[in-house]
Amino acid sequence: MNYIQGMSTAPSSTDQKPPSPSERAARQKEIVAALGRHLPAHALLWNAEDTTPYECDGLTAYRQRPLVVALPETEEQVQAVLRVCHGLEVPVVARGAGTGLSGGAMPHALGVTLSLAKFNRILEVDPVGRTARVQCGVRNLAISEAAAPHNLYYAPDPSSQIACTIGGNVAENSGGVHCLKYGLTVHNVLRVRGFTIEGDPITLGSEALDVPGYDLLAAMIGSEGMLAVALEVTVKLIPSRSSRAASWRASTMCAKPVTRWPQ
């Protein structure tokens, strides 16, 4: 990411004057109390020394400490955070690894930063269907590493692939040098599952090559989390170079004419 990303927001207050320190403290106390009913104590950060690491992503020229940082560990906790914040009209910015250079994970001064770094499990690698189903906090490079034993890999390779997460790639529609041949993230993602800003579950796309109706998956990818919070992503895998070379050699050998010795 910037993971997921810079993401969804509730009604904005950017056109209002900055709150006084006492107003900010009161708002912070209200949000922490509401979120504390759904998250364990270690999953909530609000002190300045704890929230400072979240004040920017890779675009360090712009910084803003969030009011609160939430670090959910389950999908139910993510849903609860979104529902609470929507009810309190608190802006939410989702964040992955914070490697983005576009400011997508820039916090809101009176908002909650939703860190999805703990969603880092690879759920399934299907070598036959050439797909991988992963959580949003899985590193880009980790997908290729998991698929390597099957001579497969995930093509989009942003320069920060060793650290950036697939959720952030989805939020920013990340590319890389391979995009010239294999396309951007939007061309290599089959399905995204997550929650809307209201906390309602949503699934876009499918594991099939195409689905009926409007292509909402393509609209979500690159939206910086404004349309939904992605928690699970199904991506395409392609054969590695060594695998393609072996297949080519086998095909050329089979194509050679058979020499028959005279009887």
Protein backbone atom coordinates (compact mmCIF):
# COMPACT_ATOMS: atom_id res chain seq x y z
CA MET A 1 0.00 0.00 0.00
CA ASN A 2 -0.32 2.32 0.99
CA TYR A 3 -2.84 -0.46 1.55
CA ILE A 4 -4.98 -0.97 1.04
CA GLN A 5 -4.26 2.61 0.67
CA GLY A 6 -5.84 5.59 1.07
CA MET A 7 -9.39 4.91 1.56
CA SER A 8 -12.91 5.45 2.35
CA THR A 9 -14.23 8.48 4.04
CA ALA A 10 -17.45 9.47 5.71
CA PRO A 11 -18.79 13.01 5.38
CA SER A 12 -15.83 15.37 5.16
CA SER A 13 -15.16 18.32 7.42
CA THR A 14 -12.39 19.90 5.36
CA ASP A 15 -14.49 23.01 4.80
CA GLN A 16 -14.84 23.66 8.52
CA LYS A 17 -12.43 25.52 10.74
CA PRO A 18 -9.93 23.37 12.67
CA PRO A 19 -11.23 22.27 16.07
CA SER A 20 -9.73 23.60 19.26
CA PRO A 21 -7.48 21.25 21.29
CA SER A 22 -10.30 20.69 23.77
CA GLU A 23 -12.77 19.84 20.98
CA ARG A 24 -10.27 17.48 19.40
CA ALA A 25 -9.62 15.75 22.71
CA ALA A 26 -13.35 15.34 23.34
CA ARG A 27 -13.90 13.89 19.86
CA GLN A 28 -10.96 11.53 20.31
CA LYS A 29 -12.30 10.33 23.65
CA GLU A 30 -15.71 9.67 22.11
CA ILE A 31 -14.24 7.63 19.22
CA VAL A 32 -11.88 5.62 21.43
CA ALA A 33 -14.73 4.75 23.78
CA ALA A 34 -16.97 3.64 20.91
CA LEU A 35 -14.28 1.56 19.19
CA GLY A 36 -13.10 0.13 22.49
CA ARG A 37 -16.34 -1.82 22.74
CA HIS A 38 -15.31 -3.84 19.67
CA LEU A 39 -11.51 -3.88 19.68
CA PRO A 40 -9.01 -5.08 22.31
CA ALA A 41 -6.93 -2.40 24.02
CA HIS A 42 -3.77 -3.26 22.06
CA ALA A 43 -5.63 -2.70 18.77
CA LEU A 44 -6.32 0.99 19.44
CA LEU A 45 -3.71 3.77 19.30
CA TRP A 46 -4.36 7.42 20.06
CA ASN A 47 -1.34 8.84 21.88
CA ALA A 48 0.90 11.09 19.76
CA GLU A 49 3.96 8.85 20.04
CA ASP A 50 1.89 5.86 18.85
CA THR A 51 0.10 7.55 15.93
CA THR A 52 3.11 9.47 14.53
CA PRO A 53 4.34 6.46 12.47
CA TYR A 54 1.03 6.61 10.62
CA GLU A 55 1.16 10.32 9.76
CA CYS A 56 2.15 9.74 6.11
CA ASP A 57 2.90 7.10 3.51
CA GLY A 58 5.85 7.15 1.08
CA LEU A 59 4.95 10.73 0.15
CA THR A 60 6.64 12.21 3.22
CA ALA A 61 6.23 15.83 2.13
CA TYR A 62 2.71 15.75 3.55
CA ARG A 63 2.06 14.66 7.13
CA GLN A 64 -0.96 14.55 9.42
CA ARG A 65 -1.40 12.53 12.59
CA PRO A 66 -4.72 10.68 12.68
CA LEU A 67 -7.06 11.06 15.61
CA VAL A 68 -7.08 7.30 16.22
CA VAL A 69 -5.40 4.26 14.65
CA ALA A 70 -7.36 0.98 14.63
CA LEU A 71 -5.56 -2.32 14.06
CA PRO A 72 -8.30 -4.95 13.70
CA GLU A 73 -7.40 -8.63 13.59
CA THR A 74 -10.65 -10.15 12.27
CA GLU A 75 -13.18 -9.29 9.61
CA GLU A 76 -15.82 -8.81 12.28
CA GLN A 77 -13.66 -6.15 13.91
CA VAL A 78 -13.19 -4.36 10.59
CA GLN A 79 -16.92 -4.36 10.04
CA ALA A 80 -17.52 -3.03 13.55
CA VAL A 81 -15.00 -0.19 13.07
CA LEU A 82 -16.64 0.88 9.83
CA ARG A 83 -20.14 0.78 11.31
CA VAL A 84 -19.13 2.74 14.38
CA CYS A 85 -17.29 5.39 12.37
CA HIS A 86 -20.14 5.71 9.89
CA GLY A 87 -22.60 6.18 12.73
CA LEU A 88 -20.41 8.87 14.31
CA GLU A 89 -19.65 10.48 10.91
CA VAL A 90 -15.94 9.87 11.38
CA PRO A 91 -13.75 9.73 8.24
CA VAL A 92 -11.87 6.46 7.75
CA VAL A 93 -8.61 6.00 5.83
CA ALA A 94 -7.49 2.43 5.22
CA ARG A 95 -3.77 1.69 5.23
CA GLY A 96 -1.58 -1.23 4.26
CA ALA A 97 2.20 -1.04 4.22
CA GLY A 98 2.33 2.72 3.66
CA THR A 99 4.71 2.49 0.68
CA GLY A 100 2.60 4.51 -1.76
CA LEU A 101 3.92 7.71 -3.29
CA SER A 102 0.58 9.33 -4.09
CA GLY A 103 -0.55 10.20 -0.58
CA GLY A 104 -3.33 7.62 -0.74
CA ALA A 105 -2.88 6.69 2.94
CA MET A 106 -2.74 10.30 4.14
CA PRO A 107 -4.67 10.40 7.45
CA HIS A 108 -7.56 12.71 8.23
CA ALA A 109 -6.95 15.08 11.14
CA LEU A 110 -10.28 14.09 12.73
CA GLY A 111 -10.45 10.59 11.31
CA VAL A 112 -9.52 7.00 12.00
CA THR A 113 -6.67 5.27 10.20
CA LEU A 114 -7.68 1.65 9.63
CA SER A 115 -4.48 -0.42 9.48
CA LEU A 116 -4.99 -3.75 7.73
CA ALA A 117 -1.44 -5.02 8.17
CA LYS A 118 -2.55 -7.99 10.28
CA PHE A 119 -4.49 -9.52 7.40
CA ASN A 120 -1.39 -11.19 5.98
CA ARG A 121 -2.35 -14.79 5.23
CA ILE A 122 -2.19 -16.57 1.88
CA LEU A 123 -5.43 -18.53 1.91
CA GLU A 124 -5.09 -20.66 -1.22
CA VAL A 125 -2.88 -21.21 -4.26
CA ASP A 126 -4.61 -23.09 -7.10
CA PRO A 127 -1.95 -24.27 -9.59
CA VAL A 128 -4.56 -25.81 -11.88
CA GLY A 129 -6.76 -22.73 -12.10
CA ARG A 130 -3.66 -20.49 -11.86
CA THR A 131 -5.11 -18.29 -9.15
CA ALA A 132 -4.21 -17.28 -5.60
CA ARG A 133 -6.62 -16.16 -2.88
CA VAL A 134 -4.94 -13.91 -0.32
CA GLN A 135 -5.77 -11.45 2.43
CA CYS A 136 -5.26 -7.75 1.74
CA GLY A 137 -2.13 -7.41 3.88
CA VAL A 138 -0.10 -10.03 1.98
CA ARG A 139 3.01 -8.59 0.37
CA ASN A 140 3.07 -8.46 -3.42
CA LEU A 141 6.28 -10.49 -3.64
CA ALA A 142 4.99 -13.09 -1.16
CA ILE A 143 2.36 -14.15 -3.69
CA SER A 144 5.02 -15.01 -6.26
CA GLU A 145 7.09 -16.76 -3.60
CA ALA A 146 4.12 -18.94 -2.64
CA ALA A 147 3.36 -19.74 -6.28
CA ALA A 148 7.00 -20.44 -7.25
CA PRO A 149 6.88 -24.20 -6.39
CA HIS A 150 4.19 -24.50 -9.07
CA ASN A 151 6.28 -22.54 -11.64
CA LEU A 152 3.82 -19.65 -11.42
CA TYR A 153 4.06 -16.01 -10.35
CA TYR A 154 2.02 -12.82 -9.97
CA ALA A 155 2.91 -10.38 -12.75
CA PRO A 156 2.30 -6.81 -11.44
CA ASP A 157 5.58 -5.82 -9.77
CA PRO A 158 5.72 -2.26 -8.41
CA SER A 159 9.17 -1.14 -7.28
CA SER A 160 8.12 -1.61 -3.65
CA GLN A 161 6.91 -5.17 -4.22
CA ILE A 162 9.12 -6.51 -1.42
CA ALA A 163 7.05 -4.49 1.08
CA CYS A 164 3.80 -3.25 -0.52
CA THR A 165 0.59 -5.19 0.03
CA ILE A 166 -1.92 -6.52 -2.45
CA GLY A 167 -4.64 -4.42 -0.81
CA GLY A 168 -2.67 -1.28 -1.50
CA ASN A 169 -2.02 -2.44 -5.05
CA VAL A 170 -5.77 -2.81 -5.52
CA ALA A 171 -6.41 0.64 -4.06
CA GLU A 172 -3.84 2.31 -6.32
CA ASN A 173 -4.09 0.02 -9.38
CA SER A 174 -0.33 -0.49 -9.15
CA GLY A 175 1.78 -1.57 -12.10
CA GLY A 176 5.50 -2.13 -12.55
CA VAL A 177 7.76 -3.02 -15.45
CA HIS A 178 5.70 -6.11 -16.28
CA CYS A 179 2.60 -3.98 -16.88
CA LEU A 180 3.74 -3.32 -20.45
CA LYS A 181 3.15 -7.00 -21.22
CA TYR A 182 0.74 -8.28 -18.58
CA GLY A 183 -1.24 -5.17 -17.61
CA LEU A 184 -1.87 -3.37 -14.33
CA THR A 185 -3.46 -4.70 -11.16
CA VAL A 186 -6.92 -4.26 -12.69
CA HIS A 187 -5.98 -6.77 -15.40
CA ASN A 188 -4.69 -9.37 -12.94
CA VAL A 189 -7.37 -9.40 -10.21
CA LEU A 190 -10.40 -11.66 -10.54
CA ARG A 191 -12.32 -10.97 -7.35
CA VAL A 192 -12.30 -8.65 -4.34
CA ARG A 193 -14.24 -9.22 -1.13
CA GLY A 194 -14.61 -6.67 1.66
CA PHE A 195 -16.93 -4.10 3.23
CA THR A 196 -18.52 -0.85 2.16
CA ILE A 197 -17.99 2.25 4.31
CA GLU A 198 -21.32 1.46 5.99
CA GLY A 199 -19.93 -1.93 7.05
CA ASP A 200 -21.98 -3.99 4.61
CA PRO A 201 -20.24 -7.04 3.04
CA ILE A 202 -19.56 -6.81 -0.68
CA THR A 203 -18.01 -9.10 -3.31
CA LEU A 204 -16.99 -7.83 -6.74
CA GLY A 205 -15.94 -10.06 -9.63
CA SER A 206 -15.61 -13.84 -9.52
CA GLU A 207 -13.11 -16.58 -10.23
CA ALA A 208 -14.60 -16.97 -13.71
CA LEU A 209 -13.08 -15.16 -16.66
CA ASP A 210 -16.08 -12.83 -16.86
CA VAL A 211 -19.28 -12.04 -14.99
CA PRO A 212 -22.59 -10.52 -16.12
CA GLY A 213 -23.54 -6.95 -15.36
CA TYR A 214 -21.49 -3.81 -14.88
CA ASP A 215 -17.74 -4.16 -14.31
CA LEU A 216 -17.76 -2.75 -10.78
CA LEU A 217 -14.53 -4.55 -9.95
CA ALA A 218 -12.64 -2.35 -12.40
CA ALA A 219 -14.29 0.71 -10.86
CA MET A 220 -13.14 -0.28 -7.38
CA ILE A 221 -9.54 -1.05 -8.33
CA GLY A 222 -7.68 2.24 -8.30
CA SER A 223 -10.37 4.07 -6.29
CA GLU A 224 -8.04 4.40 -3.26
CA GLY A 225 -10.60 2.68 -1.05
CA MET A 226 -13.34 5.23 -1.69
CA LEU A 227 -15.79 2.52 -2.78
CA ALA A 228 -15.00 -0.31 -0.36
CA VAL A 229 -12.42 -1.74 2.02
CA ALA A 230 -10.82 -4.80 0.40
CA LEU A 231 -10.04 -7.67 2.76
CA GLU A 232 -9.59 -10.61 0.41
CA VAL A 233 -8.26 -10.61 -3.16
CA THR A 234 -8.17 -13.35 -5.80
CA VAL A 235 -5.41 -12.80 -8.36
CA LYS A 236 -4.32 -14.42 -11.60
CA LEU A 237 -1.04 -16.31 -11.78
CA ILE A 238 0.99 -16.85 -14.93
CA PRO A 239 3.66 -19.43 -15.81
CA SER A 240 7.20 -18.46 -14.91
CA ARG A 241 9.82 -17.89 -17.58
CA SER A 242 11.56 -21.20 -16.87
CA SER A 243 8.25 -23.05 -17.15
CA ARG A 244 7.43 -21.38 -20.48
CA ALA A 245 10.91 -22.15 -21.80
CA ALA A 246 10.58 -25.82 -20.85
CA SER A 247 7.18 -26.01 -22.57
CA TRP A 248 8.60 -24.37 -25.69
CA ARG A 249 11.52 -26.82 -25.85
CA ALA A 250 9.17 -29.76 -25.41
CA SER A 251 6.88 -28.51 -28.17
CA THR A 252 9.74 -27.95 -30.61
CA MET A 253 11.14 -31.42 -29.94
CA CYS A 254 7.76 -32.99 -30.58
CA ALA A 255 7.42 -30.99 -33.77
CA LYS A 256 10.66 -32.35 -35.27
CA PRO A 257 10.22 -34.99 -38.02
CA VAL A 258 10.96 -38.56 -37.00
CA THR A 259 14.01 -40.00 -38.76
CA ARG A 260 13.41 -43.54 -39.97
CA TRP A 261 16.37 -45.81 -40.46
CA PRO A 262 16.37 -47.91 -43.63
CA GLN A 263 15.32 -51.53 -43.09
